[in-house]
């Protein structure tokens, strides 16, 4: 697997919904750092691609296409990319090490129950999860695991697999020495956004004294009606590519002017399709945390940091 071009020097390797987008955007401000326009190329995790996926500029499948993302990097810059799916890939770390053994990896870990709730919302918004009730989606895991077969989406929706933090870290450390892997805790990132990013800059050996603009990412909407959410996506796609749109989406796109779709009608539609963020069911959160406790104990021991106390697992009794 040889090709001409610049290999990235570092990777934001995970997790999703743990601040990786904000970190990507803040690092991209630095003049000594180059990051491609497209976040999440996922090149080193081919098993996470849909079976019939076509190569696109933001999802390269050939090495030369991937390296082209970094063609704009100067010799005096460190180049990096952010594909937070890499941490749950069984092959990504080894694939990266085969091409760039000196690469540095950055990982962000979040309290498991909170992470899974946010991740579930993201899967619903991205149309990969059809069950918009968090508890029901978690309860579907045994049947999904039993019937995974050739279902591309199945691994993404096996929620407990995403929080096997110790196993994931062992896989990264099997491919890279500890000094090339920086583990961040989401709580620290939230509490001291700038200080955490300064630490990442030092890890990457770039100037950590330059001015920095804080970054806030938009919250994930809570889908009330999956069908209405899917219809909204279909109408938007119809505007971009009418030939491949469904008849209903084409009709709505034709009959309802864009300015109307984005005005009062959009607000009315959103009130039906989406809901306000509600606190999670305390009983279910406790049940989920009980299930996650062994994983939290394992990663605490592995990292040598008391995440059991930080994340409140010592209060479960």
Protein backbone atom coordinates (compact mmCIF):
# COMPACT_ATOMS: atom_id res chain seq x y z
CA UNK A 1 0.00 0.00 0.00
CA UNK A 2 2.37 2.69 -1.27
CA UNK A 3 1.47 6.10 -2.61
CA UNK A 4 3.04 9.53 -2.91
CA UNK A 5 1.86 12.20 -0.55
CA UNK A 6 1.84 13.59 2.97
CA UNK A 7 0.76 11.27 5.75
CA UNK A 8 -0.92 12.86 8.77
CA UNK A 9 1.19 13.18 11.90
CA UNK A 10 -1.67 12.84 14.38
CA UNK A 11 -5.21 11.54 14.66
CA UNK A 12 -8.15 12.51 16.86
CA UNK A 13 -9.23 8.90 17.16
CA UNK A 14 -12.31 9.07 19.38
CA UNK A 15 -14.79 9.02 20.92
CA UNK A 16 -17.77 10.49 19.10
CA UNK A 17 -19.91 12.91 21.16
CA UNK A 18 -16.94 13.69 23.40
CA UNK A 19 -15.87 17.07 22.06
CA UNK A 20 -13.88 15.86 19.06
CA UNK A 21 -15.51 18.38 16.74
CA UNK A 22 -14.67 21.29 19.04
CA UNK A 23 -11.11 20.00 19.40
CA UNK A 24 -10.77 19.64 15.62
CA UNK A 25 -11.99 23.21 15.11
CA UNK A 26 -9.76 24.68 17.82
CA UNK A 27 -6.63 22.91 16.61
CA UNK A 28 -7.43 24.01 13.07
CA UNK A 29 -7.01 27.63 14.18
CA UNK A 30 -3.32 27.06 14.89
CA UNK A 31 -0.94 28.22 12.13
CA UNK A 32 1.44 25.32 12.83
CA UNK A 33 -1.31 22.72 12.41
CA UNK A 34 -2.98 21.59 9.19
CA UNK A 35 -6.26 19.72 9.23
CA UNK A 36 -8.24 18.90 6.08
CA UNK A 37 -11.51 20.58 5.22
CA UNK A 38 -13.37 17.31 5.71
CA UNK A 39 -13.72 15.90 9.21
CA UNK A 40 -14.08 12.15 9.67
CA UNK A 41 -12.62 10.67 6.46
CA UNK A 42 -12.53 7.27 8.26
CA UNK A 43 -10.02 5.91 5.75
CA UNK A 44 -8.36 3.51 8.20
CA UNK A 45 -11.64 1.86 9.21
CA UNK A 46 -12.95 0.39 5.93
CA UNK A 47 -15.17 -2.08 7.80
CA UNK A 48 -17.28 0.88 8.94
CA UNK A 49 -18.21 1.84 5.39
CA UNK A 50 -21.57 0.83 3.90
CA UNK A 51 -21.06 -2.17 1.58
CA UNK A 52 -21.90 -0.25 -1.59
CA UNK A 53 -20.42 3.09 -0.57
CA UNK A 54 -18.77 5.08 -3.34
CA UNK A 55 -15.62 7.10 -2.89
CA UNK A 56 -16.28 10.79 -2.29
CA UNK A 57 -13.89 13.63 -1.41
CA UNK A 58 -14.87 13.41 2.26
CA UNK A 59 -14.87 9.58 2.34
CA UNK A 60 -11.77 8.49 0.40
CA UNK A 61 -11.26 4.78 -0.22
CA UNK A 62 -7.96 4.83 -2.13
CA UNK A 63 -4.72 5.80 -0.40
CA UNK A 64 -3.87 8.44 -2.98
CA UNK A 65 -7.29 10.04 -2.47
CA UNK A 66 -6.78 10.04 1.28
CA UNK A 67 -3.30 11.56 1.07
CA UNK A 68 -4.67 14.25 -1.23
CA UNK A 69 -6.56 15.62 1.78
CA UNK A 70 -3.20 16.72 3.22
CA UNK A 71 -1.67 18.12 0.03
CA UNK A 72 -2.06 21.65 1.38
CA UNK A 73 0.03 21.04 4.49
CA UNK A 74 3.27 22.99 4.63
CA UNK A 75 6.54 21.35 5.59
CA UNK A 76 6.61 23.36 8.83
CA UNK A 77 3.12 22.22 9.87
CA UNK A 78 1.99 19.08 11.64
CA UNK A 79 -0.93 17.49 9.80
CA UNK A 80 -3.79 15.68 11.42
CA UNK A 81 -7.31 14.42 10.97
CA UNK A 82 -10.29 13.61 13.16
CA UNK A 83 -12.13 10.32 12.69
CA UNK A 84 -13.56 9.47 16.12
CA UNK A 85 -14.83 6.15 14.80
CA UNK A 86 -11.26 4.81 14.77
CA UNK A 87 -11.31 3.95 18.46
CA UNK A 88 -14.05 1.36 18.03
CA UNK A 89 -12.53 -0.13 14.87
CA UNK A 90 -10.71 -3.42 15.49
CA UNK A 91 -8.26 -2.64 12.67
CA UNK A 92 -7.75 1.14 12.47
CA UNK A 93 -4.86 1.47 14.95
CA UNK A 94 -2.84 -1.29 13.30
CA UNK A 95 -3.55 0.14 9.85
CA UNK A 96 -2.39 3.59 10.93
CA UNK A 97 0.76 2.17 12.54
CA UNK A 98 1.64 0.27 9.37
CA UNK A 99 1.83 3.52 7.41
CA UNK A 100 2.73 6.03 10.12
CA UNK A 101 4.35 4.35 13.14
CA UNK A 102 5.33 7.74 14.60
CA UNK A 103 1.74 9.02 14.58
CA UNK A 104 0.27 10.52 17.74
CA UNK A 105 -3.27 9.66 18.75
CA UNK A 106 -5.69 11.69 20.84
CA UNK A 107 -8.59 10.04 22.64
CA UNK A 108 -11.41 11.58 24.69
CA UNK A 109 -13.41 9.43 27.11
CA UNK A 110 -16.80 10.38 28.58
CA UNK A 111 -18.88 8.89 31.39
CA UNK A 112 -20.49 5.88 29.65
CA UNK A 113 -24.20 6.44 30.37
CA UNK A 114 -24.01 10.11 29.41
CA UNK A 115 -21.99 9.25 26.32
CA UNK A 116 -24.43 6.58 25.18
CA UNK A 117 -27.42 8.89 25.58
CA UNK A 118 -25.75 11.56 23.43
CA UNK A 119 -24.53 8.97 20.92
CA UNK A 120 -28.04 7.51 20.61
CA UNK A 121 -29.45 10.97 19.84
CA UNK A 122 -26.80 11.40 17.15
CA UNK A 123 -27.66 8.05 15.59
CA UNK A 124 -31.34 9.04 15.45
CA UNK A 125 -30.54 12.42 13.89
CA UNK A 126 -28.26 10.79 11.30
CA UNK A 127 -31.03 8.29 10.39
CA UNK A 128 -29.01 5.27 11.51
CA UNK A 129 -31.17 4.51 14.56
CA UNK A 130 -34.92 4.12 14.02
CA UNK A 131 -35.83 3.73 17.67
CA UNK A 132 -35.87 7.23 19.11
CA UNK A 133 -36.57 6.07 22.68
CA UNK A 134 -33.21 5.63 24.39
CA UNK A 135 -34.31 2.87 26.78
CA UNK A 136 -35.96 0.87 24.00
CA UNK A 137 -32.89 1.26 21.78
CA UNK A 138 -30.66 -0.13 24.54
CA UNK A 139 -33.11 -2.99 25.14
CA UNK A 140 -32.94 -3.92 21.45
CA UNK A 141 -29.25 -4.74 21.70
CA UNK A 142 -29.56 -8.50 22.43
CA UNK A 143 -31.84 -9.11 19.44
CA UNK A 144 -29.67 -6.91 17.24
CA UNK A 145 -26.58 -8.82 18.28
CA UNK A 146 -28.25 -12.17 17.59
CA UNK A 147 -29.42 -11.07 14.15
CA UNK A 148 -26.46 -8.90 13.12
CA UNK A 149 -25.45 -11.08 10.18
CA UNK A 150 -24.49 -8.84 7.29
CA UNK A 151 -26.29 -5.77 8.61
CA UNK A 152 -23.88 -2.86 8.17
CA UNK A 153 -25.58 -0.76 10.84
CA UNK A 154 -25.58 -3.47 13.51
CA UNK A 155 -22.12 -2.72 15.00
CA UNK A 156 -22.95 0.96 15.31
CA UNK A 157 -26.12 0.18 17.26
CA UNK A 158 -24.60 -2.32 19.71
CA UNK A 159 -24.27 0.38 22.32
CA UNK A 160 -22.43 -1.54 25.03
CA UNK A 161 -19.57 -2.25 22.61
CA UNK A 162 -18.84 1.47 22.38
CA UNK A 163 -17.94 1.81 26.05
CA UNK A 164 -15.42 -1.01 26.30
CA UNK A 165 -12.82 1.64 27.04
CA UNK A 166 -10.08 -0.57 28.50
CA UNK A 167 -10.27 -2.97 25.56
CA UNK A 168 -10.10 -0.06 23.13
CA UNK A 169 -7.10 1.47 24.88
CA UNK A 170 -5.26 -1.86 24.91
CA UNK A 171 -5.79 -2.08 21.16
CA UNK A 172 -4.31 1.41 20.66
CA UNK A 173 -1.36 0.65 22.92
CA UNK A 174 -0.72 -2.61 21.07
CA UNK A 175 -0.05 -0.49 17.97
CA UNK A 176 1.55 2.59 19.57
CA UNK A 177 3.70 3.22 22.67
CA UNK A 178 1.99 5.09 25.53
CA UNK A 179 3.92 8.31 24.90
CA UNK A 180 2.27 8.58 21.47
CA UNK A 181 -1.28 8.28 22.84
CA UNK A 182 -2.89 11.17 24.73
CA UNK A 183 -5.99 10.25 26.75
CA UNK A 184 -8.28 13.13 27.71
CA UNK A 185 -11.32 13.00 29.96
CA UNK A 186 -14.42 14.81 28.70
CA UNK A 187 -15.09 16.36 32.12
CA UNK A 188 -11.66 18.04 32.03
CA UNK A 189 -12.27 19.30 28.51
CA UNK A 190 -15.62 20.79 29.53
CA UNK A 191 -14.23 22.34 32.72
CA UNK A 192 -11.14 23.88 31.11
CA UNK A 193 -11.60 23.96 27.36
CA UNK A 194 -8.64 26.19 26.58
CA UNK A 195 -6.29 24.55 29.08
CA UNK A 196 -7.04 21.12 27.63
CA UNK A 197 -6.37 22.30 24.08
CA UNK A 198 -3.11 23.91 25.23
CA UNK A 199 -2.11 20.50 26.58
CA UNK A 200 -2.91 18.92 23.20
CA UNK A 201 -0.75 21.56 21.50
CA UNK A 202 2.16 20.67 23.76
CA UNK A 203 1.59 16.99 22.99
CA UNK A 204 1.84 17.86 19.29
CA UNK A 205 4.93 20.01 19.96
CA UNK A 206 3.53 23.25 18.55
CA UNK A 207 3.47 26.70 20.14
CA UNK A 208 0.95 26.62 23.00
CA UNK A 209 1.01 30.39 23.67
CA UNK A 210 -0.81 31.72 20.59
CA UNK A 211 -4.30 33.31 20.89
CA UNK A 212 -7.19 30.87 20.69
CA UNK A 213 -10.88 31.38 19.94
CA UNK A 214 -13.26 29.20 21.95
CA UNK A 215 -15.58 26.93 19.96
CA UNK A 216 -19.12 25.94 20.82
CA UNK A 217 -20.85 23.23 18.84
CA UNK A 218 -24.62 23.10 18.33
CA UNK A 219 -26.57 20.72 20.58
CA UNK A 220 -28.12 17.63 19.02
CA UNK A 221 -31.86 17.98 18.41
CA UNK A 222 -34.15 15.53 20.18
CA UNK A 223 -36.25 13.73 17.57
CA UNK A 224 -39.91 13.44 18.59
CA UNK A 225 -41.16 11.97 15.30
CA UNK A 226 -38.76 9.79 13.31
CA UNK A 227 -41.04 9.90 10.26
CA UNK A 228 -41.21 13.69 10.24
CA UNK A 229 -37.45 13.90 10.73
CA UNK A 230 -36.91 11.54 7.78
CA UNK A 231 -39.32 13.55 5.65
CA UNK A 232 -37.38 16.73 6.36
CA UNK A 233 -34.19 15.05 5.22
CA UNK A 234 -35.90 13.77 2.07
CA UNK A 235 -37.19 17.24 1.17
CA UNK A 236 -33.73 18.75 1.62
CA UNK A 237 -32.22 16.06 -0.57
CA UNK A 238 -34.91 16.68 -3.19
CA UNK A 239 -33.83 20.30 -3.40
CA UNK A 240 -30.24 19.22 -4.06
CA UNK A 241 -30.93 16.23 -6.32
CA UNK A 242 -34.55 16.07 -7.58
CA UNK A 243 -33.85 13.15 -9.93
CA UNK A 244 -33.11 10.78 -7.04
CA UNK A 245 -35.81 12.04 -4.67
CA UNK A 246 -39.04 10.26 -3.81
CA UNK A 247 -42.27 11.48 -5.47
CA UNK A 248 -43.57 12.89 -2.17
CA UNK A 249 -40.34 14.77 -1.47
CA UNK A 250 -40.26 16.17 -5.01
CA UNK A 251 -43.88 17.28 -4.70
CA UNK A 252 -43.32 19.06 -1.38
CA UNK A 253 -40.15 20.63 -2.68
CA UNK A 254 -42.00 21.93 -5.74
CA UNK A 255 -45.18 23.14 -4.04
CA UNK A 256 -43.64 24.79 -0.99
CA UNK A 257 -41.18 27.60 -1.76
CA UNK A 258 -37.82 27.53 0.01
CA UNK A 259 -38.51 30.80 1.84
CA UNK A 260 -41.72 29.30 3.26
CA UNK A 261 -39.98 26.06 4.24
CA UNK A 262 -37.42 28.08 6.16
CA UNK A 263 -39.90 30.51 7.74
CA UNK A 264 -43.03 29.97 9.81
CA UNK A 265 -43.64 26.54 8.29
CA UNK A 266 -40.20 25.41 9.42
CA UNK A 267 -40.93 26.48 12.99
CA UNK A 268 -44.28 24.68 12.98
CA UNK A 269 -42.70 21.58 11.48
CA UNK A 270 -39.89 21.60 14.04
CA UNK A 271 -42.37 21.77 16.91
CA UNK A 272 -43.91 18.51 15.67
CA UNK A 273 -40.72 16.71 14.60
CA UNK A 274 -38.51 17.71 17.53
CA UNK A 275 -38.82 18.00 21.29
CA UNK A 276 -37.09 19.95 24.01
CA UNK A 277 -34.24 18.22 25.78
CA UNK A 278 -35.55 16.42 28.86
CA UNK A 279 -33.57 14.99 31.76
CA UNK A 280 -33.11 11.22 31.46
CA UNK A 281 -35.14 8.79 33.53
CA UNK A 282 -33.16 8.50 36.80
CA UNK A 283 -34.10 4.84 37.31
CA UNK A 284 -32.92 3.87 33.84
CA UNK A 285 -29.73 5.92 34.16
CA UNK A 286 -28.93 4.10 37.40
CA UNK A 287 -29.64 0.75 35.75
CA UNK A 288 -27.40 1.65 32.82
CA UNK A 289 -24.63 2.87 35.11
CA UNK A 290 -24.81 -0.40 37.04
CA UNK A 291 -24.25 -2.22 33.76
CA UNK A 292 -21.34 0.06 32.88
CA UNK A 293 -19.66 -0.15 36.30
CA UNK A 294 -17.27 -3.02 35.36
CA UNK A 295 -16.09 -1.05 32.32
CA UNK A 296 -15.50 2.08 34.43
CA UNK A 297 -13.57 0.07 37.01
CA UNK A 298 -11.49 -1.51 34.24
CA UNK A 299 -10.54 1.77 32.55
CA UNK A 300 -9.81 3.39 35.94
CA UNK A 301 -7.36 0.63 36.73
CA UNK A 302 -5.87 0.68 33.24
CA UNK A 303 -5.28 4.45 33.17
CA UNK A 304 -4.37 4.74 36.83
CA UNK A 305 -7.00 7.44 37.36
CA UNK A 306 -10.00 7.22 39.68
CA UNK A 307 -12.81 7.61 37.16
CA UNK A 308 -15.06 5.57 39.45
CA UNK A 309 -15.22 8.55 41.82
CA UNK A 310 -15.05 11.25 39.14
CA UNK A 311 -18.06 9.79 37.36
CA UNK A 312 -19.96 9.02 40.57
CA UNK A 313 -19.91 5.25 40.33
CA UNK A 314 -18.79 5.01 43.94
CA UNK A 315 -22.22 6.37 44.91
CA UNK A 316 -24.14 3.49 43.35
CA UNK A 317 -23.72 1.39 46.50
